[in-house]
Amino acid sequence: MMKFKYTLKFIWGIVLIVASLLLGLLTKIFMILYLNNENVFWSMVIIYILSWPMLIWGIWWAGKEYAESLRKYFQYKYYHNHMKVKTKKAYHATKERTQKLKERAKVKSAKLKEKTKEKTRKLKNKLKNNRH
């Protein structure tokens, strides 16, 4: 899974968006609860209106970076390139490991061959010595 690293501006943008939405929700609740109290009602209307610039500012800060990362994430090209890179990486890792195994097998078989030759020589010498 791809990991995104976001800037502080993006994080503050998200904080502003969430804070604005919570503030808007709370002011709506208080407006409904205190319909009879005009001071509280109009205070909540003013706070609600002031929460909109906060929301817009948060969207402005977070939006561009987030939209770019989403576009990159959902683009076919990204997945295509990602798959191509990962497939090449797997291919090269497999190729490299195969080469290492091949070299180890060559070394081990050469050692085994040398051991076999040595044992054959010893056996021939032993047989030669037994005949005399």
Protein backbone atom coordinates (compact mmCIF):
# COMPACT_ATOMS: atom_id res chain seq x y z
CA MET A 1 0.00 0.00 0.00
CA MET A 2 1.24 3.41 -0.83
CA LYS A 3 2.02 5.73 2.05
CA PHE A 4 1.41 9.43 1.69
CA LYS A 5 3.38 12.02 3.58
CA TYR A 6 1.35 15.15 4.11
CA THR A 7 2.60 18.59 5.00
CA LEU A 8 1.74 20.51 8.13
CA LYS A 9 -0.41 22.80 6.00
CA PHE A 10 -2.49 19.83 4.89
CA ILE A 11 -2.92 18.59 8.45
CA TRP A 12 -3.99 22.05 9.65
CA GLY A 13 -6.39 22.21 6.73
CA ILE A 14 -8.02 18.98 7.86
CA VAL A 15 -8.16 20.28 11.46
CA LEU A 16 -9.88 23.46 10.23
CA ILE A 17 -12.39 21.47 8.19
CA VAL A 18 -13.29 19.17 11.08
CA ALA A 19 -13.43 22.07 13.55
CA SER A 20 -15.66 24.04 11.18
CA LEU A 21 -18.03 21.11 10.70
CA LEU A 22 -18.23 20.47 14.44
CA LEU A 23 -18.76 24.17 15.15
CA GLY A 24 -21.47 24.33 12.49
CA LEU A 25 -23.21 21.27 13.90
CA LEU A 26 -23.09 22.56 17.49
CA THR A 27 -24.41 25.99 16.49
CA LYS A 28 -27.31 24.40 14.59
CA ILE A 29 -28.17 22.32 17.65
CA PHE A 30 -28.08 25.39 19.92
CA MET A 31 -30.14 27.40 17.41
CA ILE A 32 -32.84 24.74 17.50
CA LEU A 33 -32.72 24.37 21.29
CA TYR A 34 -32.85 28.13 21.98
CA LEU A 35 -35.35 29.33 19.36
CA ASN A 36 -37.14 31.35 22.03
CA ASN A 37 -33.99 33.14 23.27
CA GLU A 38 -33.15 35.73 20.62
CA ASN A 39 -29.67 36.59 21.94
CA VAL A 40 -28.49 32.97 21.90
CA PHE A 41 -30.17 32.34 18.54
CA TRP A 42 -28.50 35.30 16.80
CA SER A 43 -25.16 34.58 18.47
CA MET A 44 -25.33 31.06 17.05
CA VAL A 45 -26.24 32.40 13.61
CA ILE A 46 -23.15 34.67 13.68
CA ILE A 47 -20.90 31.82 14.85
CA TYR A 48 -22.37 29.57 12.15
CA ILE A 49 -21.66 32.19 9.49
CA LEU A 50 -18.12 32.65 10.81
CA SER A 51 -17.51 28.88 10.61
CA TRP A 52 -17.84 29.01 6.81
CA PRO A 53 -14.60 30.95 6.18
CA MET A 54 -12.87 28.47 8.46
CA LEU A 55 -14.23 25.63 6.31
CA ILE A 56 -13.18 27.34 3.08
CA TRP A 57 -9.71 28.06 4.45
CA GLY A 58 -9.33 24.41 5.52
CA ILE A 59 -10.46 23.17 2.11
CA TRP A 60 -8.04 25.57 0.45
CA TRP A 61 -5.11 24.33 2.52
CA ALA A 62 -5.90 20.63 2.38
CA GLY A 63 -7.65 20.43 -0.95
CA LYS A 64 -4.84 20.89 -3.44
CA GLU A 65 -2.46 18.42 -1.81
CA TYR A 66 -5.20 15.87 -1.11
CA ALA A 67 -6.67 16.15 -4.60
CA GLU A 68 -3.22 15.61 -6.11
CA SER A 69 -2.59 12.55 -3.96
CA LEU A 70 -6.03 11.12 -4.76
CA ARG A 71 -5.56 11.75 -8.46
CA LYS A 72 -2.23 10.00 -8.32
CA TYR A 73 -3.64 7.17 -6.26
CA PHE A 74 -6.63 6.46 -8.49
CA GLN A 75 -5.01 7.02 -11.83
CA TYR A 76 -4.61 3.97 -14.02
CA LYS A 77 -1.20 5.16 -15.02
CA TYR A 78 -0.08 5.11 -11.39
CA TYR A 79 -1.20 1.51 -10.94
CA HIS A 80 0.30 0.52 -14.24
CA ASN A 81 3.65 2.09 -13.34
CA HIS A 82 3.46 0.75 -9.81
CA MET A 83 2.86 -2.77 -11.09
CA LYS A 84 5.62 -2.40 -13.66
CA VAL A 85 8.11 -1.24 -11.03
CA LYS A 86 7.15 -3.94 -8.54
CA THR A 87 7.21 -6.66 -11.23
CA LYS A 88 10.66 -5.56 -12.38
CA LYS A 89 11.84 -5.50 -8.78
CA ALA A 90 10.53 -9.03 -8.21
CA TYR A 91 12.06 -10.22 -11.49
CA HIS A 92 15.47 -8.80 -10.65
CA ALA A 93 15.35 -10.14 -7.09
CA THR A 94 14.45 -13.60 -8.42
CA LYS A 95 17.16 -13.40 -11.07
CA GLU A 96 19.75 -12.34 -8.50
CA ARG A 97 18.79 -15.10 -6.07
CA THR A 98 18.82 -17.66 -8.88
CA GLN A 99 22.35 -16.55 -9.83
CA LYS A 100 23.47 -16.88 -6.20
CA LEU A 101 21.95 -20.36 -5.95
CA LYS A 102 23.56 -21.33 -9.23
CA GLU A 103 26.96 -20.17 -7.98
CA ARG A 104 26.53 -21.99 -4.68
CA ALA A 105 25.52 -25.15 -6.54
CA LYS A 106 28.61 -24.86 -8.78
CA VAL A 107 30.89 -24.45 -5.78
CA LYS A 108 29.29 -27.33 -3.89
CA SER A 109 29.35 -29.65 -6.91
CA ALA A 110 33.01 -28.74 -7.58
CA LYS A 111 33.84 -29.55 -3.95
CA LEU A 112 31.89 -32.80 -4.17
CA LYS A 113 33.62 -33.68 -7.43
CA GLU A 114 37.00 -32.96 -5.86
CA LYS A 115 36.12 -35.06 -2.83
CA THR A 116 35.01 -37.90 -5.08
CA LYS A 117 38.25 -37.73 -7.09
CA GLU A 118 40.27 -37.73 -3.88
CA LYS A 119 38.42 -40.75 -2.52
CA THR A 120 38.79 -42.54 -5.87
CA ARG A 121 42.55 -41.88 -5.82
CA LYS A 122 42.82 -43.17 -2.27
CA LEU A 123 40.82 -46.27 -3.17
CA LYS A 124 42.98 -46.92 -6.26
CA ASN A 125 46.14 -46.50 -4.18
CA LYS A 126 44.76 -48.83 -1.54
CA LEU A 127 43.89 -51.45 -4.19
CA LYS A 128 47.33 -51.03 -5.79
CA ASN A 129 49.03 -51.49 -2.46
CA ASN A 130 46.95 -54.60 -1.70
CA ARG A 131 47.98 -56.27 -5.01
CA HIS A 132 51.68 -55.96 -4.31
